[in-house]
Amino acid sequence: MVDPDPPAECSDSFAGTYDAIQTVLFERKGCTAAACHGSAASGGLDLRREAAYASLIDVAATGSPLRRIYPKEPLKSYLFLKVAARTDPSLLGGETITGSPMPFSGDALTVGQLEALRIWIEAGAPQTGAVADNQGGGSRRLAELLGACLPDPSPVEVAPLPPPAPGEGVQLVMPPHPVPAGSESEICFASYFDFTGHIPEQYLDPTGEFYYAKREEKREDPNTHHIIVMKPTVSLDRIDDPSFGGWVCADGARAGETCDPLDPDACGTSLCRTAIKDSITCIGFGPDEGRPNGGINFDETYLIPEIKAPGFYTKLPVKGLVYWNSHAFNLTTKDTLHHVWRNFYFTDDLQLEMTHFNDFHAIGIAAGTPPFTEKTYCSTRTFEQGQKLLYLASHTHRRGGLFWVEAPDGSRIYESPFYDDPVFLAFDPPIVFDAADPAERTLTYCAIYNNGVDEDGEPDPETVTRLSRKPERSTCTPVACAEGRIGAPCAGASDHATCDTEPGSGDGLCDACAITGGATTDDEMFVLLGGTGLDVAP
């Protein structure tokens, strides 16, 4: 369980995170002045207290295809990009802004204030309540970044994503699943969908079993570490296979009741799903068809990045089973449900078909990084001749810092400073790997892993890997002191006396570990993600 933050004394107390953002970032930075986003409502944006929230959330920005605040997506939120352009332009990630960066005059947001805004947006941008930070689970870090006192955090459920207009796309909805207070889990379950009759004929492939899509829009509750939506190889005639553990209604008045997955009305307003099983990336889930990784093809995922290349498309099934691999956490003291929505938009411009890649070959490279050290790790990926690189993204966990990718000539083509909301970078035009020499088709990717070093280079017992703070599915062997003689070597969880500041003082704790590899956010991963395409023959 996550302990509430202890009470603190401060002059500025706020009812919730947004209340603090409104005061500290909008009002005190001069954004609500009459000539700015006050009565003049520059750019159509009114940031005065009574109008600000309704003017921001899911509202189209003036002069940009982006929304002012897109809940869960800070790097797709125009307001965030406008203020980042002044505080830290490197965060724009290829996006462009019109007009001047914000604030237009006076002091820019500090790096800490910008981070507070990012965390709030990533947490679903709620109007009420305090959101949890992405490190300790309480509201203390956000309070410090904003220079304010905040109440204990509570779960946030984002507003449902509106479905596409009829004839423009379809929506895939995950049956919600519980995430108990203070927990972290990675699970897998299946559901069934059928879009027959909802897809115009010009967007179907010749078999009628697949449709062509060019764009995806997603929304999920903020307690997501990752959600992978998989197209399994299991045929529909095995939908009642005992390995699924039966089918039940996910929530609502009929939660837990047996249901028929082929009946869209079986659960009323709820959805039908299989039993939930603990599973890392759905390995071993469902019927075993003798294929590697328990029958899952990991290239077959429901993911359509924002590619701007003309004629880009991917092919998705009209109906079938879908596996939901949900790695979720709840940093608050209250239980919640986890929701996910995915919209897919049609296309009939078929020039460049995309294939995703997830490069796992060096996934555990940071495991073993000693406590109170910072280290950089690198690996490489070589592409086939003729492939076009459409996008790059990255995946690390909480001790992964800056992640970057270098082209064969040594130039840096990708950077992401965030583990929990990594930068997605589309290339327009795509990078073409047409050289005969493999060295000229090889990218180098690196990441910095920080196991307990603060900004001054001193040992930081709050961010180091610690046995006492490990989740249930992870463990480690302490080799350094986390209390008392912080940073001194010790020999395991029973060797606390070695860490005492004075013999017999009892103030030592042998608790700090090397970074461990694994699936929880307290372990580490090192993964390059991306997509490549080949031109479709005329």
Protein backbone atom coordinates (compact mmCIF):
# COMPACT_ATOMS: atom_id res chain seq x y z
CA MET A 1 0.00 0.00 0.00
CA VAL A 2 1.08 3.60 -0.62
CA ASP A 3 1.28 5.67 2.55
CA PRO A 4 -0.31 9.14 2.40
CA ASP A 5 2.08 12.05 2.42
CA PRO A 6 2.74 13.38 5.92
CA PRO A 7 1.19 16.76 6.71
CA ALA A 8 3.30 19.73 5.79
CA GLU A 9 3.27 23.37 6.73
CA CYS A 10 3.07 25.90 3.92
CA SER A 11 1.50 29.23 3.11
CA ASP A 12 -0.17 28.07 -0.11
CA SER A 13 -2.65 25.20 0.18
CA PHE A 14 -4.81 24.07 -2.73
CA ALA A 15 -7.79 21.76 -3.05
CA GLY A 16 -6.25 19.90 -5.98
CA THR A 17 -3.52 19.84 -8.62
CA TYR A 18 -5.45 21.84 -11.20
CA ASP A 19 -6.32 24.47 -8.62
CA ALA A 20 -2.59 24.93 -7.97
CA ILE A 21 -1.77 25.01 -11.70
CA GLN A 22 -4.44 27.66 -12.29
CA THR A 23 -2.98 29.89 -9.58
CA VAL A 24 0.76 29.25 -9.87
CA LEU A 25 1.16 28.77 -13.63
CA PHE A 26 -1.66 30.76 -15.19
CA GLU A 27 -2.45 33.62 -12.84
CA ARG A 28 0.96 34.34 -11.28
CA LYS A 29 2.72 34.08 -14.64
CA GLY A 30 0.46 36.81 -16.04
CA CYS A 31 -1.44 34.59 -18.46
CA THR A 32 -4.83 35.82 -17.20
CA ALA A 33 -4.01 39.50 -17.78
CA ALA A 34 -6.70 41.31 -19.76
CA ALA A 35 -4.55 41.75 -22.88
CA CYS A 36 -3.37 38.14 -22.88
CA HIS A 37 -5.72 35.24 -22.08
CA GLY A 38 -7.99 37.34 -19.90
CA SER A 39 -10.81 39.42 -21.35
CA ALA A 40 -9.01 39.62 -24.73
CA ALA A 41 -8.87 35.80 -24.91
CA SER A 42 -5.86 35.85 -27.24
CA GLY A 43 -6.09 33.03 -29.77
CA GLY A 44 -9.57 32.28 -28.47
CA LEU A 45 -8.15 30.97 -25.18
CA ASP A 46 -9.60 32.30 -21.93
CA LEU A 47 -7.47 31.32 -18.94
CA ARG A 48 -9.47 33.15 -16.31
CA ARG A 49 -10.44 30.85 -13.47
CA GLU A 50 -14.14 30.54 -14.35
CA ALA A 51 -13.43 29.68 -18.02
CA ALA A 52 -9.97 28.11 -18.20
CA TYR A 53 -10.70 24.40 -17.81
CA ALA A 54 -13.52 24.36 -20.37
CA SER A 55 -11.30 26.33 -22.77
CA LEU A 56 -8.46 23.82 -22.50
CA ILE A 57 -9.60 20.21 -22.29
CA ASP A 58 -10.10 18.50 -25.68
CA VAL A 59 -10.52 21.91 -27.36
CA ALA A 60 -8.84 22.42 -30.75
CA ALA A 61 -6.00 24.92 -30.68
CA THR A 62 -6.05 27.93 -33.01
CA GLY A 63 -3.61 27.51 -35.87
CA SER A 64 -2.74 23.90 -35.02
CA PRO A 65 -4.31 20.46 -35.53
CA LEU A 66 -3.52 19.68 -31.88
CA ARG A 67 -5.80 20.15 -28.90
CA ARG A 68 -4.90 22.68 -26.24
CA ILE A 69 -4.86 19.97 -23.58
CA TYR A 70 -5.13 16.38 -24.74
CA PRO A 71 -5.57 14.33 -21.52
CA LYS A 72 -2.81 11.74 -21.07
CA GLU A 73 -0.75 13.19 -23.94
CA PRO A 74 1.41 16.15 -22.88
CA LEU A 75 3.52 16.03 -26.05
CA LYS A 76 0.32 16.30 -28.12
CA SER A 77 -1.06 19.14 -26.01
CA TYR A 78 -0.54 22.51 -27.70
CA LEU A 79 -0.53 24.50 -24.45
CA PHE A 80 2.27 22.32 -23.09
CA LEU A 81 4.28 22.72 -26.30
CA LYS A 82 3.79 26.50 -26.24
CA VAL A 83 5.22 26.83 -22.72
CA ALA A 84 7.89 24.18 -23.37
CA ALA A 85 9.05 26.20 -26.39
CA ARG A 86 10.21 28.89 -23.98
CA THR A 87 11.40 26.75 -21.06
CA ASP A 88 12.87 23.73 -22.89
CA PRO A 89 12.44 23.74 -26.70
CA SER A 90 14.00 20.27 -26.97
CA LEU A 91 10.68 18.83 -25.78
CA LEU A 92 8.84 19.85 -28.95
CA GLY A 93 9.97 16.65 -30.67
CA GLY A 94 9.43 17.93 -34.20
CA GLU A 95 6.09 19.64 -33.49
CA THR A 96 5.83 23.28 -34.54
CA ILE A 97 4.00 26.13 -32.82
CA THR A 98 2.64 29.35 -34.24
CA GLY A 99 3.14 32.74 -32.64
CA SER A 100 5.30 33.38 -29.60
CA PRO A 101 6.15 30.83 -26.91
CA MET A 102 4.28 31.20 -23.61
CA PRO A 103 4.23 33.14 -21.36
CA PHE A 104 4.55 35.97 -23.88
CA SER A 105 6.21 38.26 -21.32
CA GLY A 106 7.64 38.02 -17.83
CA ASP A 107 9.35 34.94 -16.46
CA ALA A 108 9.16 31.61 -18.24
CA LEU A 109 7.96 28.55 -16.37
CA THR A 110 10.78 26.94 -14.46
CA VAL A 111 11.85 23.44 -15.46
CA GLY A 112 10.10 22.16 -12.32
CA GLN A 113 6.87 23.99 -13.09
CA LEU A 114 6.90 22.63 -16.64
CA GLU A 115 7.37 19.13 -15.23
CA ALA A 116 4.39 19.65 -12.91
CA LEU A 117 2.23 20.64 -15.90
CA ARG A 118 3.44 17.57 -17.81
CA ILE A 119 2.65 15.20 -14.94
CA TRP A 120 -0.84 16.68 -14.51
CA ILE A 121 -1.65 16.28 -18.22
CA GLU A 122 -0.22 12.76 -18.27
CA ALA A 123 -2.40 11.93 -15.26
CA GLY A 124 -5.52 12.73 -17.29
CA ALA A 125 -5.67 16.49 -16.59
CA PRO A 126 -8.44 16.20 -13.97
CA GLN A 127 -10.22 19.34 -12.79
CA THR A 128 -10.57 18.11 -9.21
CA GLY A 129 -8.46 16.06 -6.83
CA ALA A 130 -4.69 15.67 -6.53
CA VAL A 131 -2.79 13.43 -8.92
CA ALA A 132 0.05 11.16 -7.87
CA ASP A 133 3.56 11.78 -9.12
CA ASN A 134 5.33 9.14 -11.18
CA GLN A 135 8.02 8.38 -8.61
CA GLY A 136 6.91 8.00 -5.01
CA GLY A 137 3.16 7.76 -5.54
CA GLY A 138 2.18 10.67 -3.30
CA SER A 139 1.55 14.33 -4.08
CA ARG A 140 4.70 15.62 -2.36
CA ARG A 141 6.83 15.93 -5.50
CA LEU A 142 4.16 17.84 -7.40
CA ALA A 143 3.64 20.04 -4.37
CA GLU A 144 7.36 20.85 -4.31
CA LEU A 145 7.45 21.57 -8.05
CA LEU A 146 4.53 23.97 -7.69
CA GLY A 147 5.64 25.41 -4.33
CA ALA A 148 2.33 24.46 -2.73
CA CYS A 149 0.58 22.07 -0.36
CA LEU A 150 -1.68 19.47 -1.96
CA PRO A 151 -3.99 16.79 -0.53
CA ASP A 152 -3.29 13.07 -0.87
CA PRO A 153 -3.82 11.80 -4.43
CA SER A 154 -6.86 9.85 -5.59
CA PRO A 155 -7.42 7.72 -8.72
CA VAL A 156 -8.22 9.54 -11.96
CA GLU A 157 -10.58 8.14 -14.59
CA VAL A 158 -10.30 10.12 -17.82
CA ALA A 159 -13.33 11.07 -19.89
CA PRO A 160 -14.17 8.39 -22.49
CA LEU A 161 -12.74 8.97 -25.96
CA PRO A 162 -15.54 9.85 -28.41
CA PRO A 163 -15.76 7.25 -31.23
CA PRO A 164 -15.08 8.20 -34.87
CA ALA A 165 -17.94 9.47 -36.99
CA PRO A 166 -19.78 6.67 -38.87
CA GLY A 167 -17.94 5.73 -42.03
CA GLU A 168 -14.66 7.32 -40.87
CA GLY A 169 -13.42 4.72 -38.41
CA VAL A 170 -14.20 2.25 -35.64
CA GLN A 171 -13.58 2.12 -31.88
CA LEU A 172 -12.09 -0.78 -29.93
CA VAL A 173 -12.86 -0.65 -26.19
CA MET A 174 -11.06 -2.64 -23.50
CA PRO A 175 -13.30 -4.22 -20.87
CA PRO A 176 -12.21 -2.37 -17.70
CA HIS A 177 -10.24 -4.27 -15.09
CA PRO A 178 -9.61 -3.54 -11.40
CA VAL A 179 -6.37 -2.01 -10.09
CA PRO A 180 -6.33 -2.21 -6.28
CA ALA A 181 -4.86 0.58 -4.18
CA GLY A 182 -1.08 0.60 -3.91
CA SER A 183 -0.65 -2.19 -6.46
CA GLU A 184 1.17 -2.85 -9.71
CA SER A 185 0.40 -5.73 -12.02
CA GLU A 186 0.88 -6.94 -15.58
CA ILE A 187 -2.04 -9.01 -16.80
CA CYS A 188 -3.58 -10.49 -19.92
CA PHE A 189 -7.15 -11.21 -20.95
CA ALA A 190 -9.14 -11.50 -24.17
CA SER A 191 -12.28 -9.96 -25.62
CA TYR A 192 -14.15 -10.28 -28.91
CA PHE A 193 -15.09 -7.58 -31.43
CA ASP A 194 -17.03 -7.49 -34.70
CA PHE A 195 -17.08 -4.42 -36.96
CA THR A 196 -19.03 -6.13 -39.74
CA GLY A 197 -21.36 -3.63 -41.41
CA HIS A 198 -19.53 -0.61 -39.98
CA ILE A 199 -16.75 -0.36 -42.59
CA PRO A 200 -17.46 1.04 -46.09
CA GLU A 201 -16.51 -1.35 -48.88
CA GLN A 202 -13.73 0.85 -50.31
CA TYR A 203 -11.73 0.36 -47.11
CA LEU A 204 -11.91 -3.45 -47.10
CA ASP A 205 -9.28 -5.74 -48.56
CA PRO A 206 -10.32 -8.17 -51.35
CA THR A 207 -11.17 -10.92 -48.84
CA GLY A 208 -13.44 -8.66 -46.80
CA GLU A 209 -11.73 -9.97 -43.64
CA PHE A 210 -9.45 -6.96 -43.16
CA TYR A 211 -9.72 -3.19 -43.43
CA TYR A 212 -7.12 -0.55 -44.17
CA ALA A 213 -6.37 2.07 -41.53
CA LYS A 214 -4.08 5.10 -41.54
CA ARG A 215 -4.43 6.69 -38.13
CA GLU A 216 -5.13 5.80 -34.52
CA GLU A 217 -6.35 7.83 -31.58
CA LYS A 218 -6.13 6.40 -28.07
CA ARG A 219 -7.05 7.28 -24.54
CA GLU A 220 -6.39 5.39 -21.34
CA ASP A 221 -6.53 6.03 -17.62
CA PRO A 222 -3.30 7.49 -16.21
CA ASN A 223 -2.39 4.42 -14.17
CA THR A 224 -0.96 2.83 -17.33
CA HIS A 225 2.65 1.80 -17.69
CA HIS A 226 1.90 0.14 -21.00
CA ILE A 227 -1.06 -1.31 -22.83
CA ILE A 228 -0.34 -3.67 -25.75
CA VAL A 229 -3.33 -4.65 -27.87
CA MET A 230 -2.48 -7.89 -29.67
CA LYS A 231 -3.89 -9.74 -32.65
CA PRO A 232 -3.59 -13.38 -31.52
CA THR A 233 -3.11 -16.30 -33.88
CA VAL A 234 -5.85 -18.27 -32.08
CA SER A 235 -8.80 -19.08 -34.36
CA LEU A 236 -12.37 -18.24 -33.36
CA ASP A 237 -13.37 -21.90 -33.14
CA ARG A 238 -11.32 -22.01 -29.92
CA ILE A 239 -13.08 -19.08 -28.27
CA ASP A 240 -14.39 -21.38 -25.50
CA ASP A 241 -11.05 -23.10 -24.91
CA PRO A 242 -10.68 -23.95 -21.18
CA SER A 243 -7.31 -22.17 -21.08
CA PHE A 244 -9.16 -18.83 -21.23
CA GLY A 245 -10.73 -19.56 -17.85
CA GLY A 246 -14.27 -18.73 -18.95
CA TRP A 247 -15.99 -15.48 -20.02
CA VAL A 248 -17.50 -12.95 -17.60
CA CYS A 249 -18.94 -9.42 -17.60
CA ALA A 250 -16.22 -6.92 -16.73
CA ASP A 251 -18.06 -4.41 -14.54
CA GLY A 252 -21.40 -2.80 -13.78
CA ALA A 253 -24.51 -4.46 -12.42
CA ARG A 254 -23.61 -7.83 -13.98
CA ALA A 255 -19.92 -7.84 -13.06
CA GLY A 256 -18.59 -11.38 -12.77
CA GLU A 257 -21.61 -13.05 -14.41
CA THR A 258 -20.97 -15.63 -17.14
CA CYS A 259 -21.45 -14.21 -20.65
CA ASP A 260 -21.38 -15.24 -24.32
CA PRO A 261 -18.57 -13.25 -26.03
CA LEU A 262 -20.32 -13.50 -29.41
CA ASP A 263 -23.43 -11.75 -28.06
CA PRO A 264 -22.83 -7.96 -28.08
CA ASP A 265 -25.67 -7.45 -25.57
CA ALA A 266 -24.62 -10.21 -23.18
CA CYS A 267 -23.51 -7.78 -20.45
CA GLY A 268 -25.84 -4.85 -21.06
CA THR A 269 -23.77 -1.68 -20.81
CA SER A 270 -20.67 -3.65 -19.81
CA LEU A 271 -18.33 -5.80 -21.92
CA CYS A 272 -17.56 -9.52 -21.92
CA ARG A 273 -13.99 -10.71 -21.31
CA THR A 274 -12.04 -13.81 -20.32
CA ALA A 275 -10.65 -14.44 -16.86
CA ILE A 276 -7.71 -12.18 -15.98
CA LYS A 277 -4.33 -13.89 -15.69
CA ASP A 278 -0.94 -12.59 -14.59
CA SER A 279 1.23 -12.60 -17.70
CA ILE A 280 4.22 -10.70 -19.05
CA THR A 281 3.31 -9.52 -22.58
CA CYS A 282 0.68 -12.31 -22.71
CA ILE A 283 3.35 -15.01 -22.96
CA GLY A 284 1.66 -18.35 -22.27
CA PHE A 285 -1.84 -16.87 -22.30
CA GLY A 286 -4.68 -18.67 -24.08
CA PRO A 287 -4.61 -21.86 -26.16
CA ASP A 288 -1.16 -23.18 -27.06
CA GLU A 289 -0.94 -23.62 -30.83
CA GLY A 290 2.69 -24.71 -30.81
CA ARG A 291 4.02 -21.31 -31.84
CA PRO A 292 6.83 -19.40 -30.08
CA ASN A 293 5.81 -17.23 -27.14
CA GLY A 294 2.55 -19.04 -26.51
CA GLY A 295 1.03 -18.36 -29.92
CA ILE A 296 1.57 -14.59 -29.97
CA ASN A 297 3.12 -12.84 -32.96
CA PHE A 298 4.60 -9.74 -31.36
CA ASP A 299 4.71 -7.82 -34.64
CA GLU A 300 0.94 -8.16 -34.83
CA THR A 301 -0.24 -5.38 -32.56
CA TYR A 302 -2.94 -2.76 -32.85
CA LEU A 303 -0.75 0.29 -33.19
CA ILE A 304 -0.97 3.01 -35.81
CA PRO A 305 1.50 5.81 -35.14
CA GLU A 306 1.03 9.30 -36.53
CA ILE A 307 2.90 8.79 -39.79
CA LYS A 308 2.73 11.65 -42.28
CA ALA A 309 4.19 9.77 -45.25
CA PRO A 310 1.73 9.79 -48.18
CA GLY A 311 -0.08 6.49 -48.69
CA PHE A 312 0.93 5.03 -45.32
CA TYR A 313 -1.41 2.29 -44.07
CA THR A 314 -1.72 -0.86 -42.02
CA LYS A 315 -4.18 -3.75 -42.24
CA LEU A 316 -6.46 -4.77 -39.34
CA PRO A 317 -9.06 -7.56 -38.96
CA VAL A 318 -12.78 -6.81 -39.24
CA LYS A 319 -13.63 -9.18 -36.40
CA GLY A 320 -11.96 -11.59 -34.02
CA LEU A 321 -10.29 -12.04 -30.69
CA VAL A 322 -8.05 -9.42 -29.19
CA TYR A 323 -5.59 -9.89 -26.31
CA TRP A 324 -5.15 -7.00 -23.87
CA ASN A 325 -1.76 -6.89 -22.16
CA SER A 326 -2.18 -4.27 -19.44
CA HIS A 327 0.67 -3.21 -17.17
CA ALA A 328 -1.06 -0.90 -14.71
CA PHE A 329 -0.28 0.60 -11.33
CA ASN A 330 -2.21 2.47 -8.66
CA LEU A 331 -0.11 4.89 -6.64
CA THR A 332 -3.03 6.00 -4.48
CA THR A 333 -4.74 4.58 -1.41
CA LYS A 334 -8.05 3.95 -3.23
CA ASP A 335 -9.08 1.12 -5.58
CA THR A 336 -9.90 1.98 -9.18
CA LEU A 337 -10.82 0.53 -12.59
CA HIS A 338 -8.61 0.81 -15.65
CA HIS A 339 -10.13 1.93 -18.99
CA VAL A 340 -8.75 2.04 -22.54
CA TRP A 341 -10.24 3.28 -25.82
CA ARG A 342 -8.68 2.97 -29.31
CA ASN A 343 -10.05 4.65 -32.44
CA PHE A 344 -8.90 3.50 -35.89
CA TYR A 345 -9.50 5.67 -38.98
CA PHE A 346 -9.93 4.27 -42.50
CA THR A 347 -7.89 4.89 -45.66
CA ASP A 348 -7.94 3.76 -49.29
CA ASP A 349 -4.59 5.37 -50.19
CA LEU A 350 -2.40 2.26 -50.22
CA GLN A 351 1.21 3.06 -51.08
CA LEU A 352 3.33 2.23 -48.03
CA GLU A 353 2.53 -0.68 -45.70
CA MET A 354 4.04 -0.53 -42.22
CA THR A 355 5.54 -3.21 -39.99
CA HIS A 356 6.29 -2.54 -36.31
CA PHE A 357 9.42 -3.70 -34.55
CA ASN A 358 10.21 -4.10 -30.85
CA ASP A 359 13.94 -4.66 -30.41
CA PHE A 360 14.24 -6.77 -27.25
CA HIS A 361 17.71 -8.21 -27.82
CA ALA A 362 19.37 -5.97 -25.17
CA ILE A 363 16.34 -5.61 -22.92
CA GLY A 364 18.22 -6.39 -19.68
CA ILE A 365 21.41 -4.48 -20.43
CA ALA A 366 21.11 -2.16 -17.39
CA ALA A 367 20.64 -4.98 -14.88
CA GLY A 368 23.54 -5.02 -12.43
CA THR A 369 24.13 -1.24 -12.39
CA PRO A 370 25.44 -0.76 -8.82
CA PRO A 371 23.57 1.37 -6.29
CA PHE A 372 24.42 5.08 -6.20
CA THR A 373 25.88 5.04 -9.71
CA GLU A 374 24.84 6.38 -13.10
CA LYS A 375 25.81 4.57 -16.29
CA THR A 376 25.17 4.77 -20.02
CA TYR A 377 24.41 1.66 -22.09
CA CYS A 378 24.23 1.35 -25.88
CA SER A 379 23.27 -1.22 -28.50
CA THR A 380 22.68 -1.31 -32.26
CA ARG A 381 20.04 -2.33 -34.80
CA THR A 382 20.75 -2.99 -38.49
CA PHE A 383 17.94 -2.58 -41.03
CA GLU A 384 17.39 -4.43 -44.28
CA GLN A 385 18.33 -2.72 -47.50
CA GLY A 386 15.36 -0.84 -48.94
CA GLN A 387 13.50 -0.42 -45.66
CA LYS A 388 12.08 2.99 -44.80
CA LEU A 389 12.16 4.08 -41.14
CA LEU A 390 8.79 5.66 -40.34
CA TYR A 391 9.02 6.29 -36.60
CA LEU A 392 11.03 5.67 -33.43
CA ALA A 393 10.06 5.41 -29.79
CA SER A 394 11.70 4.01 -26.65
CA HIS A 395 10.89 1.99 -23.55
CA THR A 396 12.66 2.02 -20.20
CA HIS A 397 11.42 2.02 -16.62
CA ARG A 398 11.75 4.49 -13.77
CA ARG A 399 15.58 4.59 -13.59
CA GLY A 400 15.94 5.06 -17.31
CA GLY A 401 16.86 8.65 -18.09
CA LEU A 402 17.73 10.21 -21.43
CA PHE A 403 17.29 7.76 -24.34
CA TRP A 404 18.74 8.67 -27.73
CA VAL A 405 19.38 7.19 -31.18
CA GLU A 406 22.27 8.00 -33.49
CA ALA A 407 22.36 7.64 -37.28
CA PRO A 408 25.31 5.87 -38.96
CA ASP A 409 27.07 9.24 -39.36
CA GLY A 410 26.87 9.85 -35.59
CA SER A 411 24.15 12.51 -35.74
CA ARG A 412 21.47 12.23 -33.09
CA ILE A 413 18.03 11.60 -34.65
CA TYR A 414 15.94 10.83 -31.55
CA GLU A 415 15.85 11.87 -27.89
CA SER A 416 13.43 11.14 -25.05
CA PRO A 417 13.97 12.20 -21.42
CA PHE A 418 10.82 10.45 -20.16
CA TYR A 419 10.40 6.81 -19.18
CA ASP A 420 6.66 7.09 -18.49
CA ASP A 421 5.68 9.09 -21.58
CA PRO A 422 8.45 8.49 -24.13
CA VAL A 423 8.74 10.72 -27.16
CA PHE A 424 7.20 9.31 -30.33
CA LEU A 425 9.02 10.68 -33.36
CA ALA A 426 7.70 10.22 -36.91
CA PHE A 427 10.03 10.91 -39.83
CA ASP A 428 8.70 12.96 -42.72
CA PRO A 429 10.04 12.01 -45.14
CA PRO A 430 10.99 8.53 -43.91
CA ILE A 431 14.66 7.64 -43.47
CA VAL A 432 15.58 5.29 -46.34
CA PHE A 433 18.18 2.56 -45.75
CA ASP A 434 19.36 1.94 -49.31
CA ALA A 435 23.14 1.49 -48.81
CA ALA A 436 24.76 -1.83 -49.68
CA ASP A 437 27.06 -1.61 -46.62
CA PRO A 438 25.23 -2.82 -43.45
CA ALA A 439 27.21 -0.30 -41.37
CA GLU A 440 25.40 2.47 -43.21
CA ARG A 441 22.06 0.87 -42.25
CA THR A 442 22.86 0.54 -38.54
CA LEU A 443 21.46 2.76 -35.80
CA THR A 444 23.06 3.06 -32.35
CA TYR A 445 20.69 3.58 -29.42
CA CYS A 446 21.67 4.48 -25.85
CA ALA A 447 20.15 5.34 -22.49
CA ILE A 448 21.40 6.70 -19.18
CA TYR A 449 20.37 4.70 -16.10
CA ASN A 450 20.45 6.46 -12.75
CA ASN A 451 20.46 4.18 -9.70
CA GLY A 452 20.34 6.71 -6.89
CA VAL A 453 22.47 9.72 -7.84
CA ASP A 454 21.01 13.17 -7.15
CA GLU A 455 21.55 16.29 -9.28
CA ASP A 456 24.65 17.22 -7.24
CA GLY A 457 26.23 13.80 -7.79
CA GLU A 458 25.60 12.71 -4.20
CA PRO A 459 23.97 9.39 -3.17
CA ASP A 460 20.17 9.63 -3.15
CA PRO A 461 18.52 6.95 -0.97
CA GLU A 462 15.06 7.96 -2.25
CA THR A 463 15.71 6.98 -5.88
CA VAL A 464 18.12 4.07 -5.47
CA THR A 465 16.85 0.51 -5.95
CA ARG A 466 15.81 -0.73 -2.48
CA LEU A 467 14.76 -4.17 -1.28
CA SER A 468 12.25 -2.76 1.21
CA ARG A 469 10.43 -0.87 -1.57
CA LYS A 470 10.35 -3.63 -4.17
CA PRO A 471 6.92 -4.75 -5.44
CA GLU A 472 5.83 -8.31 -4.75
CA ARG A 473 6.95 -9.58 -8.15
CA SER A 474 10.52 -8.33 -7.77
CA THR A 475 13.41 -8.74 -5.37
CA CYS A 476 17.10 -7.87 -5.00
CA THR A 477 20.09 -8.42 -2.73
CA PRO A 478 21.21 -5.28 -0.84
CA VAL A 479 24.88 -4.41 -1.28
CA ALA A 480 24.98 -0.82 0.02
CA CYS A 481 23.64 1.22 2.93
CA ALA A 482 20.48 3.25 2.34
CA GLU A 483 20.41 4.72 5.85
CA GLY A 484 23.19 5.53 8.31
CA ARG A 485 26.44 5.34 6.33
CA ILE A 486 24.63 5.97 3.07
CA GLY A 487 26.47 4.44 0.11
CA ALA A 488 28.86 2.31 2.18
CA PRO A 489 29.08 -1.37 1.16
CA CYS A 490 27.18 -3.97 3.17
CA ALA A 491 26.42 -7.67 2.85
CA GLY A 492 22.71 -8.35 2.57
CA ALA A 493 19.40 -7.63 4.26
CA SER A 494 20.60 -8.77 7.70
CA ASP A 495 23.78 -6.68 7.74
CA HIS A 496 22.29 -3.44 9.05
CA ALA A 497 24.91 -3.02 11.78
CA THR A 498 27.57 -2.39 9.12
CA CYS A 499 25.60 0.68 8.09
CA ASP A 500 25.36 2.23 11.59
CA THR A 501 26.95 5.67 11.81
CA GLU A 502 28.50 4.58 15.11
CA PRO A 503 28.88 1.04 16.46
CA GLY A 504 25.61 0.05 18.12
CA SER A 505 23.74 3.22 17.08
CA GLY A 506 21.05 1.18 15.28
CA ASP A 507 20.51 3.83 12.60
CA GLY A 508 21.86 1.83 9.66
CA LEU A 509 19.94 -0.03 6.96
CA CYS A 510 21.49 -2.35 4.38
CA ASP A 511 18.81 -1.90 1.71
CA ALA A 512 20.29 -0.51 -1.54
CA CYS A 513 20.62 -2.88 -4.52
CA ALA A 514 21.94 -2.99 -8.04
CA ILE A 515 19.36 -2.38 -10.76
CA THR A 516 17.41 -5.53 -11.50
CA GLY A 517 16.00 -6.56 -14.85
CA GLY A 518 12.34 -7.45 -15.10
CA ALA A 519 8.81 -6.38 -15.83
CA THR A 520 7.89 -4.14 -12.89
CA THR A 521 8.61 -0.43 -13.06
CA ASP A 522 11.13 -0.92 -10.23
CA ASP A 523 13.11 -3.21 -12.54
CA GLU A 524 14.60 -2.06 -15.83
CA MET A 525 14.22 -2.56 -19.56
CA PHE A 526 16.08 -1.21 -22.61
CA VAL A 527 13.96 -1.42 -25.75
CA LEU A 528 14.00 0.38 -29.09
CA LEU A 529 10.58 0.63 -30.74
CA GLY A 530 9.74 1.69 -34.24
CA GLY A 531 8.11 1.03 -37.57
CA THR A 532 9.42 0.41 -41.06
CA GLY A 533 7.69 0.31 -44.42
CA LEU A 534 8.19 -1.00 -47.92
CA ASP A 535 6.63 0.56 -50.99
CA VAL A 536 3.71 -1.45 -52.34
CA ALA A 537 4.28 -2.61 -55.91
CA PRO A 538 1.85 -0.96 -58.37
